[in-house]
Amino acid sequence: MSLLDLATAPVAAHQRRPFWRPATILWSLLAVLILLMLALHVIDGGYIRRDVEQLQAGEAWRTGGWLSQVVLRVVSLLPGTQLQQWALSLTAVVVSGFAFGALYDRLRANGWFRIGAFIALVVLMLHAGGLYTVTASSRAIPLYIAFAALIPAIRSLEDVGDVQSAIGLGLLLPLLLLASPIAALLIVPFAVATALADRDGRADPRAFVAMLLVAILPTLIVAVGIVGFIMQARMDVAAALLPYVSTYTNLHFDVQALTSGLEALTVFAPVLIVPLLYCFWPDLEERRHVFSALAVVVLPLYLVFARSILTTTMTPIVPPTAMMVAFVSWLAVVRLPFQLRLLSLALLLLAAAASWTYTDLWNDVAWKAALFNQVPASVAQLSLRPGV
């Protein structure tokens, strides 16, 4: 067998291989090494991470989800800005590296050639949204993890529709609560959809209520447990609930935020075309799963509309990056025809290029200066942004 055969050999659909194979471990370690070098390079360039900056300003506890707040609380115990930056960067790098390794394994398991999976991973690593999340502001990582986990769960529920798959999706819904106050609003619609996915739930009101409780009880248990822990620790419950309460106060409709958000989705993440084409593509290798494909489009769109109505500090780069994460999570569970896989790679390349060139929609000049080693000699260490 030649090297070309090894690079282009697909994996049969019926093959079941162990997850922790040498290729998975290799890709995880390689991604961790590359991302860690980039993160340390940005720090050495004099850039203060956004999350560390918010931590020093005392604003980290007023925004974001509980999960990111716990991480920042632990990091705040470390002495010195430099050590805090290293700790946050290392945490983000390890999580991202594991995700890259898992993605490569699942792409290969769903028929991707080795060279195609390799190109997909490299392009994702070059996307400005992903690099910025790892090296500058990692508070959106829990949201990305929640979206990445939801797509396979929706597909499993759509494929099987039994109580076990409903329980699986219900166990993931607390992630939305912990990830972001904005994402928490999705819990009830997902719980209702889970109950309606059951055949008995659609026919019998009692079965519907039972399935609804199955889907929503894990979230209620987690919420009550967190509040109980806060009270037991004699911490301020109002302060812990502040990020969630303040998000839903002062409702407004910002047309400019909506327009720029939709524009950012179109420019930075044009991959939404692939799930839409999949819904109508003829002669698929497997049974069509429309709802999980449409979830890739609907979830980021929800973030865009929520940003224009709710009070949030979510940056414009978050919804497009969430779109990319949801899309690659969907690629990891769907077996696409070769034409759609080729189109996916082309659109991933386009999205990566656009994320660096359209500076009107999103830009952090100081971060780019540190990343590309273009910091002027007159700029002092750790003072790339005004006010730092």
Protein backbone atom coordinates (compact mmCIF):
# COMPACT_ATOMS: atom_id res chain seq x y z
CA MET A 1 0.00 0.00 0.00
CA SER A 2 1.41 3.42 -0.97
CA LEU A 3 1.51 6.59 1.12
CA LEU A 4 -1.19 8.07 -1.09
CA ASP A 5 -3.46 5.14 -0.30
CA LEU A 6 -2.85 5.66 3.40
CA ALA A 7 -3.67 9.36 3.11
CA THR A 8 -6.91 8.84 1.23
CA ALA A 9 -8.25 5.61 2.69
CA PRO A 10 -11.75 6.12 4.14
CA VAL A 11 -13.13 4.26 7.15
CA ALA A 12 -16.02 1.89 6.62
CA ALA A 13 -19.26 2.86 8.30
CA HIS A 14 -19.62 -0.43 10.16
CA GLN A 15 -16.18 -0.38 11.78
CA ARG A 16 -16.13 0.31 15.53
CA ARG A 17 -12.76 1.26 16.86
CA PRO A 18 -11.60 2.22 20.37
CA PHE A 19 -11.62 5.96 20.96
CA TRP A 20 -8.16 6.27 22.53
CA ARG A 21 -6.20 5.09 19.54
CA PRO A 22 -2.67 6.31 18.71
CA ALA A 23 -4.04 8.74 16.08
CA THR A 24 -6.43 10.33 18.60
CA ILE A 25 -3.72 10.72 21.22
CA LEU A 26 -1.24 12.05 18.65
CA TRP A 27 -3.61 14.70 17.34
CA SER A 28 -4.62 15.75 20.85
CA LEU A 29 -1.01 16.17 21.98
CA LEU A 30 -0.02 17.94 18.75
CA ALA A 31 -2.93 20.39 19.07
CA VAL A 32 -2.08 21.04 22.73
CA LEU A 33 1.55 21.73 21.84
CA ILE A 34 0.77 24.12 18.97
CA LEU A 35 -1.95 26.04 20.84
CA LEU A 36 0.16 26.29 23.98
CA MET A 37 3.05 27.76 22.01
CA LEU A 38 0.71 30.33 20.45
CA ALA A 39 -0.84 31.22 23.82
CA LEU A 40 2.53 31.72 25.47
CA HIS A 41 3.70 33.71 22.45
CA VAL A 42 0.77 36.12 22.87
CA ILE A 43 1.46 36.46 26.59
CA ASP A 44 5.14 37.12 25.95
CA GLY A 45 4.07 39.79 23.45
CA GLY A 46 2.65 41.81 26.33
CA TYR A 47 -1.05 41.03 25.91
CA ILE A 48 -3.28 40.75 28.96
CA ARG A 49 -6.03 38.22 28.42
CA ARG A 50 -9.53 39.72 28.40
CA ASP A 51 -10.73 37.37 31.15
CA VAL A 52 -7.74 38.24 33.36
CA GLU A 53 -8.39 41.92 32.75
CA GLN A 54 -12.03 41.49 33.85
CA LEU A 55 -10.83 39.51 36.85
CA GLN A 56 -8.55 42.35 37.95
CA ALA A 57 -11.28 44.92 37.40
CA GLY A 58 -13.73 42.96 39.57
CA GLU A 59 -16.20 42.51 36.71
CA ALA A 60 -15.75 38.76 36.18
CA TRP A 61 -18.50 37.84 38.64
CA ARG A 62 -21.16 40.06 37.07
CA THR A 63 -21.22 38.46 33.63
CA GLY A 64 -20.95 35.00 32.18
CA GLY A 65 -22.10 31.60 33.34
CA TRP A 66 -21.45 29.84 36.62
CA LEU A 67 -18.92 27.43 35.12
CA SER A 68 -16.60 30.16 33.85
CA GLN A 69 -17.02 32.01 37.15
CA VAL A 70 -15.84 28.96 39.10
CA VAL A 71 -12.74 28.68 36.91
CA LEU A 72 -11.99 32.38 37.30
CA ARG A 73 -12.52 32.15 41.06
CA VAL A 74 -9.91 29.39 41.28
CA VAL A 75 -7.52 31.30 39.01
CA SER A 76 -7.92 34.44 41.13
CA LEU A 77 -6.28 32.58 44.01
CA LEU A 78 -3.02 32.40 42.06
CA PRO A 79 -0.51 35.19 42.77
CA GLY A 80 0.37 37.53 39.93
CA THR A 81 -1.06 38.34 36.54
CA GLN A 82 1.47 36.23 34.66
CA LEU A 83 0.62 33.05 36.56
CA GLN A 84 -3.10 33.67 36.13
CA GLN A 85 -2.64 34.09 32.39
CA TRP A 86 -0.64 30.87 32.14
CA ALA A 87 -3.24 28.94 34.14
CA LEU A 88 -6.15 30.12 32.00
CA SER A 89 -4.25 29.54 28.78
CA LEU A 90 -3.24 26.03 29.83
CA THR A 91 -6.84 25.17 30.76
CA ALA A 92 -8.18 26.41 27.43
CA VAL A 93 -5.40 24.68 25.49
CA VAL A 94 -5.95 21.28 27.12
CA VAL A 95 -9.71 21.39 26.54
CA SER A 96 -9.24 22.49 22.93
CA GLY A 97 -6.54 19.91 22.27
CA PHE A 98 -8.76 17.09 23.50
CA ALA A 99 -11.56 18.41 21.27
CA PHE A 100 -9.28 18.40 18.22
CA GLY A 101 -8.24 14.80 18.86
CA ALA A 102 -11.85 13.68 19.34
CA LEU A 103 -12.88 15.50 16.17
CA TYR A 104 -10.22 13.77 14.09
CA ASP A 105 -11.32 10.36 15.41
CA ARG A 106 -15.00 10.97 14.65
CA LEU A 107 -14.32 12.42 11.20
CA ARG A 108 -12.38 9.32 10.27
CA ALA A 109 -15.14 7.12 11.68
CA ASN A 110 -17.67 8.87 9.43
CA GLY A 111 -15.85 8.29 6.16
CA TRP A 112 -13.46 11.24 5.95
CA PHE A 113 -10.14 10.62 4.24
CA ARG A 114 -7.03 11.19 6.35
CA ILE A 115 -6.00 14.18 4.28
CA GLY A 116 -9.49 15.68 4.51
CA ALA A 117 -9.63 15.30 8.30
CA PHE A 118 -6.13 16.80 8.54
CA ILE A 119 -7.11 19.84 6.45
CA ALA A 120 -10.28 20.34 8.49
CA LEU A 121 -8.31 20.39 11.76
CA VAL A 122 -5.67 22.77 10.42
CA VAL A 123 -8.28 25.19 9.07
CA LEU A 124 -10.17 25.18 12.36
CA MET A 125 -6.95 25.91 14.21
CA LEU A 126 -6.34 28.88 11.91
CA HIS A 127 -9.79 30.43 12.45
CA ALA A 128 -9.44 33.73 14.32
CA GLY A 129 -12.44 33.01 16.55
CA GLY A 130 -10.96 29.77 17.83
CA LEU A 131 -7.47 31.22 18.33
CA TYR A 132 -8.88 34.25 20.11
CA THR A 133 -10.89 32.02 22.44
CA VAL A 134 -7.82 29.99 23.39
CA THR A 135 -5.27 32.79 23.67
CA ALA A 136 -7.28 35.88 24.67
CA SER A 137 -10.74 35.25 26.10
CA SER A 138 -11.89 31.77 27.11
CA ARG A 139 -15.13 32.60 28.92
CA ALA A 140 -17.21 31.34 25.99
CA ILE A 141 -15.66 27.84 26.07
CA PRO A 142 -18.44 26.37 28.29
CA LEU A 143 -20.99 27.67 25.78
CA TYR A 144 -19.09 26.06 22.91
CA ILE A 145 -18.86 22.78 24.82
CA ALA A 146 -22.60 22.85 25.44
CA PHE A 147 -23.37 23.43 21.75
CA ALA A 148 -20.89 20.75 20.69
CA ALA A 149 -22.49 18.21 23.05
CA LEU A 150 -26.06 19.09 22.11
CA ILE A 151 -25.75 18.27 18.39
CA PRO A 152 -24.91 14.55 18.87
CA ALA A 153 -27.57 14.30 21.60
CA ILE A 154 -30.22 15.78 19.30
CA ARG A 155 -29.19 13.40 16.54
CA SER A 156 -29.38 10.42 18.91
CA LEU A 157 -32.85 11.46 20.05
CA GLU A 158 -33.91 11.98 16.44
CA ASP A 159 -32.50 8.61 15.42
CA VAL A 160 -33.77 6.44 18.29
CA GLY A 161 -36.35 8.52 20.15
CA ASP A 162 -36.42 6.25 23.21
CA VAL A 163 -36.30 7.09 26.90
CA GLN A 164 -32.55 6.49 27.09
CA SER A 165 -31.80 9.09 24.42
CA ALA A 166 -34.21 11.50 26.11
CA ILE A 167 -32.36 11.01 29.39
CA GLY A 168 -29.07 11.58 27.58
CA LEU A 169 -30.26 14.92 26.24
CA GLY A 170 -31.76 15.85 29.60
CA LEU A 171 -28.43 15.24 31.32
CA LEU A 172 -26.80 17.71 28.92
CA LEU A 173 -29.29 20.53 29.47
CA PRO A 174 -27.65 21.63 32.77
CA LEU A 175 -24.64 22.54 30.63
CA LEU A 176 -26.73 25.33 29.11
CA LEU A 177 -27.52 26.64 32.59
CA LEU A 178 -23.88 26.54 33.66
CA ALA A 179 -22.47 27.87 30.38
CA SER A 180 -24.27 31.19 29.93
CA PRO A 181 -27.35 33.09 31.11
CA ILE A 182 -28.36 33.49 27.46
CA ALA A 183 -28.10 29.75 26.78
CA ALA A 184 -30.21 28.97 29.86
CA LEU A 185 -33.31 30.16 27.98
CA LEU A 186 -32.93 27.19 25.62
CA ILE A 187 -33.56 24.64 28.37
CA VAL A 188 -37.37 24.78 28.31
CA PRO A 189 -37.71 24.56 24.48
CA PHE A 190 -35.31 21.60 24.42
CA ALA A 191 -37.18 19.88 27.25
CA VAL A 192 -40.51 20.31 25.44
CA ALA A 193 -39.00 19.08 22.17
CA THR A 194 -37.59 16.04 23.98
CA ALA A 195 -41.05 15.17 25.32
CA LEU A 196 -42.62 15.61 21.89
CA ALA A 197 -39.99 13.38 20.29
CA ASP A 198 -41.48 10.39 22.10
CA ARG A 199 -44.37 8.74 20.25
CA ASP A 200 -46.34 8.17 23.46
CA GLY A 201 -45.59 11.71 24.56
CA ARG A 202 -47.30 13.08 21.47
CA ALA A 203 -50.37 10.87 21.98
CA ASP A 204 -50.83 10.81 25.76
CA PRO A 205 -50.66 13.94 27.98
CA ARG A 206 -49.49 11.84 30.93
CA ALA A 207 -46.60 10.42 28.93
CA PHE A 208 -45.77 13.95 27.76
CA VAL A 209 -45.52 15.22 31.34
CA ALA A 210 -43.40 12.22 32.33
CA MET A 211 -40.98 12.76 29.45
CA LEU A 212 -40.88 16.49 30.20
CA LEU A 213 -39.88 15.75 33.80
CA VAL A 214 -37.23 13.30 32.59
CA ALA A 215 -35.72 16.05 30.42
CA ILE A 216 -35.89 18.96 32.83
CA LEU A 217 -35.27 17.34 36.24
CA PRO A 218 -31.45 17.20 35.88
CA THR A 219 -31.35 20.95 35.32
CA LEU A 220 -33.58 21.62 38.32
CA ILE A 221 -31.45 19.35 40.51
CA VAL A 222 -28.25 21.14 39.41
CA ALA A 223 -29.80 24.60 39.96
CA VAL A 224 -31.10 23.71 43.43
CA GLY A 225 -27.80 22.08 44.31
CA ILE A 226 -25.80 25.16 43.32
CA VAL A 227 -28.04 27.52 45.28
CA GLY A 228 -27.95 25.17 48.27
CA PHE A 229 -24.16 25.01 48.14
CA ILE A 230 -23.92 28.80 48.00
CA MET A 231 -26.18 29.14 51.03
CA GLN A 232 -24.32 26.40 52.91
CA ALA A 233 -21.02 28.19 52.24
CA ARG A 234 -22.58 31.44 53.58
CA MET A 235 -21.94 33.17 50.28
CA ASP A 236 -24.09 35.93 48.83
CA VAL A 237 -26.87 34.25 46.83
CA ALA A 238 -27.87 37.55 45.21
CA ALA A 239 -24.33 38.07 43.91
CA ALA A 240 -24.26 34.56 42.45
CA LEU A 241 -27.59 35.08 40.71
CA LEU A 242 -26.69 38.58 39.51
CA PRO A 243 -25.33 37.54 36.06
CA TYR A 244 -28.54 35.65 35.32
CA VAL A 245 -30.89 38.29 36.71
CA SER A 246 -29.14 41.24 35.04
CA THR A 247 -29.24 39.48 31.67
CA TYR A 248 -33.03 39.50 31.60
CA THR A 249 -33.49 43.05 32.91
CA ASN A 250 -33.54 46.11 30.72
CA LEU A 251 -34.84 44.27 27.66
CA HIS A 252 -34.35 46.18 24.43
CA PHE A 253 -34.12 45.66 20.70
CA ASP A 254 -30.86 46.74 19.12
CA VAL A 255 -31.27 46.71 15.36
CA GLN A 256 -27.61 47.47 14.79
CA ALA A 257 -26.52 44.51 16.97
CA LEU A 258 -28.90 42.24 15.09
CA THR A 259 -27.67 43.41 11.68
CA SER A 260 -24.00 43.15 12.59
CA GLY A 261 -24.58 39.75 14.18
CA LEU A 262 -26.25 38.33 11.09
CA GLU A 263 -23.52 39.84 8.93
CA ALA A 264 -20.84 38.27 11.14
CA LEU A 265 -22.51 34.86 10.84
CA THR A 266 -22.63 35.17 7.07
CA VAL A 267 -19.03 36.32 6.72
CA PHE A 268 -17.25 34.40 9.47
CA ALA A 269 -19.19 31.12 9.31
CA PRO A 270 -20.64 30.46 5.83
CA VAL A 271 -20.64 26.72 6.60
CA LEU A 272 -24.35 26.87 7.45
CA ILE A 273 -24.95 26.22 3.75
CA VAL A 274 -23.86 22.58 4.17
CA PRO A 275 -26.50 21.52 6.75
CA LEU A 276 -29.18 23.20 4.65
CA LEU A 277 -28.05 21.34 1.52
CA TYR A 278 -27.92 18.10 3.51
CA CYS A 279 -31.64 18.40 4.26
CA PHE A 280 -32.43 18.10 0.52
CA TRP A 281 -29.46 16.10 -0.79
CA PRO A 282 -30.57 12.96 -2.69
CA ASP A 283 -29.25 9.41 -2.17
CA LEU A 284 -27.62 9.79 1.23
CA GLU A 285 -25.65 6.87 2.65
CA GLU A 286 -27.75 6.89 5.82
CA ARG A 287 -31.20 7.96 6.99
CA ARG A 288 -31.62 11.74 6.85
CA HIS A 289 -31.62 13.52 10.22
CA VAL A 290 -33.07 16.97 9.59
CA PHE A 291 -33.50 18.31 13.11
CA SER A 292 -29.88 17.89 14.16
CA ALA A 293 -28.78 19.53 10.88
CA LEU A 294 -31.11 22.49 11.42
CA ALA A 295 -29.91 22.83 15.02
CA VAL A 296 -26.49 23.79 13.62
CA VAL A 297 -28.16 26.81 12.02
CA VAL A 298 -30.74 27.65 14.68
CA LEU A 299 -28.47 27.69 17.76
CA PRO A 300 -26.07 30.42 16.52
CA LEU A 301 -28.99 32.39 15.09
CA TYR A 302 -30.55 32.31 18.54
CA LEU A 303 -27.37 33.82 20.01
CA VAL A 304 -27.49 36.64 17.47
CA PHE A 305 -31.12 37.49 18.24
CA ALA A 306 -30.55 37.13 22.00
CA ARG A 307 -27.60 39.56 21.84
CA SER A 308 -29.89 42.16 20.27
CA ILE A 309 -32.55 41.82 22.99
CA LEU A 310 -30.89 40.79 26.25
CA THR A 311 -28.23 42.57 28.29
CA THR A 312 -24.96 40.77 27.65
CA THR A 313 -21.26 41.34 27.22
CA MET A 314 -20.98 38.63 24.56
CA THR A 315 -18.63 39.80 21.82
CA PRO A 316 -19.64 39.66 18.12
CA ILE A 317 -17.14 36.85 17.44
CA VAL A 318 -18.93 34.41 19.79
CA PRO A 319 -21.98 33.48 17.61
CA PRO A 320 -19.86 32.75 14.48
CA THR A 321 -17.44 30.70 16.57
CA ALA A 322 -20.38 28.85 18.13
CA MET A 323 -21.59 28.17 14.59
CA MET A 324 -18.20 26.68 13.68
CA VAL A 325 -18.20 24.52 16.83
CA ALA A 326 -21.75 23.27 16.21
CA PHE A 327 -20.89 22.58 12.58
CA VAL A 328 -17.79 20.48 13.28
CA SER A 329 -19.69 18.64 16.02
CA TRP A 330 -22.32 17.80 13.40
CA LEU A 331 -19.62 16.70 10.95
CA ALA A 332 -18.40 14.30 13.64
CA VAL A 333 -21.74 12.42 13.73
CA VAL A 334 -23.03 12.60 10.14
CA ARG A 335 -21.82 10.61 7.13
CA LEU A 336 -21.78 13.12 4.28
CA PRO A 337 -21.37 12.43 0.56
CA PHE A 338 -17.97 13.29 -0.87
CA GLN A 339 -19.32 16.44 -2.58
CA LEU A 340 -20.62 17.87 0.70
CA ARG A 341 -17.39 17.01 2.49
CA LEU A 342 -15.43 18.85 -0.20
CA LEU A 343 -17.81 21.82 0.06
CA SER A 344 -17.38 21.78 3.85
CA LEU A 345 -13.60 22.08 3.52
CA ALA A 346 -13.92 24.92 0.99
CA LEU A 347 -16.30 26.85 3.25
CA LEU A 348 -14.10 26.24 6.30
CA LEU A 349 -11.19 27.74 4.38
CA LEU A 350 -13.34 30.71 3.36
CA ALA A 351 -14.49 31.23 6.96
CA ALA A 352 -10.92 31.10 8.28
CA ALA A 353 -9.76 33.66 5.72
CA ALA A 354 -12.74 35.96 6.37
CA SER A 355 -12.19 35.86 10.14
CA TRP A 356 -8.86 37.68 9.64
CA THR A 357 -9.76 40.08 6.83
CA TYR A 358 -13.14 41.64 7.74
CA THR A 359 -11.97 43.87 10.56
CA ASP A 360 -15.10 46.04 10.56
CA LEU A 361 -17.15 43.25 12.17
CA TRP A 362 -14.62 42.17 14.79
CA ASN A 363 -11.11 43.26 15.62
CA ASP A 364 -8.66 43.31 18.51
CA VAL A 365 -5.64 45.22 17.29
CA ALA A 366 -3.59 44.60 20.43
CA TRP A 367 -4.12 40.84 20.28
CA LYS A 368 -3.18 40.68 16.61
CA ALA A 369 -0.08 42.78 17.30
CA ALA A 370 1.04 40.36 20.01
CA LEU A 371 0.17 37.30 17.92
CA PHE A 372 2.08 38.48 14.84
CA ASN A 373 4.93 39.93 16.89
CA GLN A 374 4.27 43.46 15.66
CA VAL A 375 4.35 45.21 19.03
CA PRO A 376 6.04 48.63 18.72
CA ALA A 377 9.14 49.13 20.84
CA SER A 378 7.52 52.13 22.52
CA VAL A 379 4.68 50.00 23.93
CA ALA A 380 5.37 48.91 27.49
CA GLN A 381 4.88 45.37 28.74
CA LEU A 382 1.25 44.50 29.58
CA SER A 383 -0.08 47.82 28.32
CA LEU A 384 -1.26 47.15 24.79
CA ARG A 385 -4.80 48.35 25.41
CA PRO A 386 -5.78 51.77 26.69
CA GLY A 387 -6.72 51.75 30.35
CA VAL A 388 -4.73 48.63 31.27
